[in-house]
Amino acid sequence: MIDANRIDYTIEYPVVAAYFDQKYCLNKGFLSSILIEELPLYNTVCVACPKNEWGQKVINNWNKVFRKLKMTDEYRKITEMGHTDERELQIIRAYYDKFLKLK
């Protein structure tokens, strides 16, 4: 709606705005972000399934795949995608090394 000039602003995570600007805006750099101080340095993402045998199997498979995936350069690039602020990238890189040590 912003790109179509139907609204002037929206509240969104900076990484989402940067990704949208890079991928979809006809005029690159059309969108900009203002840092919101209350945003956490990083977000925790969870996967949930029903608490039954099938759900446990899915979670176990996910954990097995993700432990391998998170070690790859490709996944690291995905975590940095859309981040255009060098300060954000430094924070992501610092926490990523700690993230790799998690089971």
Protein backbone atom coordinates (compact mmCIF):
# COMPACT_ATOMS: atom_id res chain seq x y z
CA MET A 1 0.00 0.00 0.00
CA ILE A 2 2.93 2.32 0.65
CA ASP A 3 4.46 1.56 -2.75
CA ALA A 4 1.08 2.31 -4.36
CA ASN A 5 0.89 5.64 -2.45
CA ARG A 6 -2.28 4.55 -0.67
CA ILE A 7 -0.77 5.16 2.79
CA ASP A 8 2.16 7.29 3.95
CA TYR A 9 3.64 5.13 6.70
CA THR A 10 3.32 1.87 8.57
CA ILE A 11 4.92 0.34 11.63
CA GLU A 12 7.05 -2.64 10.76
CA TYR A 13 10.30 -4.25 11.81
CA PRO A 14 13.23 -2.51 10.04
CA VAL A 15 14.38 -5.77 8.47
CA VAL A 16 10.95 -6.31 6.91
CA ALA A 17 10.90 -2.77 5.50
CA ALA A 18 14.42 -3.17 4.08
CA TYR A 19 13.58 -6.55 2.55
CA PHE A 20 10.39 -5.20 0.98
CA ASP A 21 12.29 -2.18 -0.36
CA GLN A 22 14.98 -4.38 -1.93
CA LYS A 23 12.59 -6.94 -3.42
CA TYR A 24 9.43 -5.12 -4.41
CA CYS A 25 9.76 -1.33 -4.57
CA LEU A 26 10.23 0.11 -8.03
CA ASN A 27 12.32 2.94 -6.56
CA LYS A 28 15.02 1.32 -4.43
CA GLY A 29 15.59 3.29 -1.25
CA PHE A 30 11.97 4.48 -1.30
CA LEU A 31 11.38 3.10 2.18
CA SER A 32 13.29 4.10 5.28
CA SER A 33 13.19 3.05 8.92
CA ILE A 34 13.32 4.85 12.21
CA LEU A 35 14.84 2.82 15.04
CA ILE A 36 12.40 1.95 17.82
CA GLU A 37 14.38 1.78 21.05
CA GLU A 38 12.14 -0.86 22.60
CA LEU A 39 12.89 -3.45 19.91
CA PRO A 40 14.89 -6.38 21.27
CA LEU A 41 18.37 -7.05 19.87
CA TYR A 42 17.11 -10.34 18.48
CA ASN A 43 13.86 -12.31 18.27
CA THR A 44 13.30 -15.85 19.43
CA VAL A 45 11.30 -17.98 17.03
CA CYS A 46 9.47 -21.12 18.13
CA VAL A 47 8.04 -24.13 16.34
CA ALA A 48 4.93 -25.73 17.82
CA CYS A 49 3.13 -28.98 17.14
CA PRO A 50 0.38 -30.96 18.84
CA LYS A 51 1.54 -32.65 22.03
CA ASN A 52 1.26 -36.17 20.68
CA GLU A 53 3.48 -38.78 19.04
CA TRP A 54 3.27 -37.15 15.62
CA GLY A 55 4.15 -33.72 17.04
CA GLN A 56 7.15 -35.12 18.91
CA LYS A 57 8.36 -36.77 15.71
CA VAL A 58 8.05 -33.50 13.77
CA ILE A 59 9.92 -31.53 16.45
CA ASN A 60 12.67 -34.16 16.66
CA ASN A 61 13.08 -34.10 12.86
CA TRP A 62 13.09 -30.29 12.84
CA ASN A 63 15.76 -30.15 15.55
CA LYS A 64 17.92 -32.67 13.68
CA VAL A 65 17.72 -30.74 10.40
CA PHE A 66 18.07 -27.31 12.00
CA ARG A 67 21.21 -28.24 13.96
CA LYS A 68 22.90 -28.96 10.62
CA LEU A 69 21.32 -26.08 8.72
CA LYS A 70 22.29 -23.36 11.17
CA MET A 71 25.98 -24.19 10.67
CA THR A 72 25.89 -23.38 6.94
CA ASP A 73 26.98 -20.12 5.32
CA GLU A 74 23.71 -20.08 3.37
CA TYR A 75 21.63 -19.99 6.56
CA ARG A 76 23.85 -17.29 8.05
CA LYS A 77 23.28 -15.18 4.92
CA ILE A 78 19.53 -15.65 5.33
CA THR A 79 19.71 -14.31 8.90
CA GLU A 80 21.44 -11.18 7.61
CA MET A 81 19.19 -10.70 4.57
CA GLY A 82 17.37 -7.39 4.60
CA HIS A 83 19.53 -5.85 7.31
CA THR A 84 21.05 -2.72 5.80
CA ASP A 85 22.19 -1.05 9.02
CA GLU A 86 25.81 -1.95 9.82
CA ARG A 87 25.10 -1.76 13.57
CA GLU A 88 22.35 -4.34 13.22
CA LEU A 89 24.66 -6.62 11.25
CA GLN A 90 27.33 -6.39 13.94
CA ILE A 91 24.80 -7.36 16.60
CA ILE A 92 23.47 -10.24 14.49
CA ARG A 93 26.97 -11.55 13.88
CA ALA A 94 27.89 -11.32 17.56
CA TYR A 95 24.77 -13.19 18.68
CA TYR A 96 24.99 -15.69 15.82
CA ASP A 97 28.21 -17.11 17.21
CA LYS A 98 26.44 -17.66 20.55
CA PHE A 99 23.43 -19.09 18.71
CA LEU A 100 25.63 -21.74 17.07
CA LYS A 101 26.61 -23.04 20.51
CA LEU A 102 22.97 -23.68 21.50
CA LYS A 103 21.66 -27.22 21.14
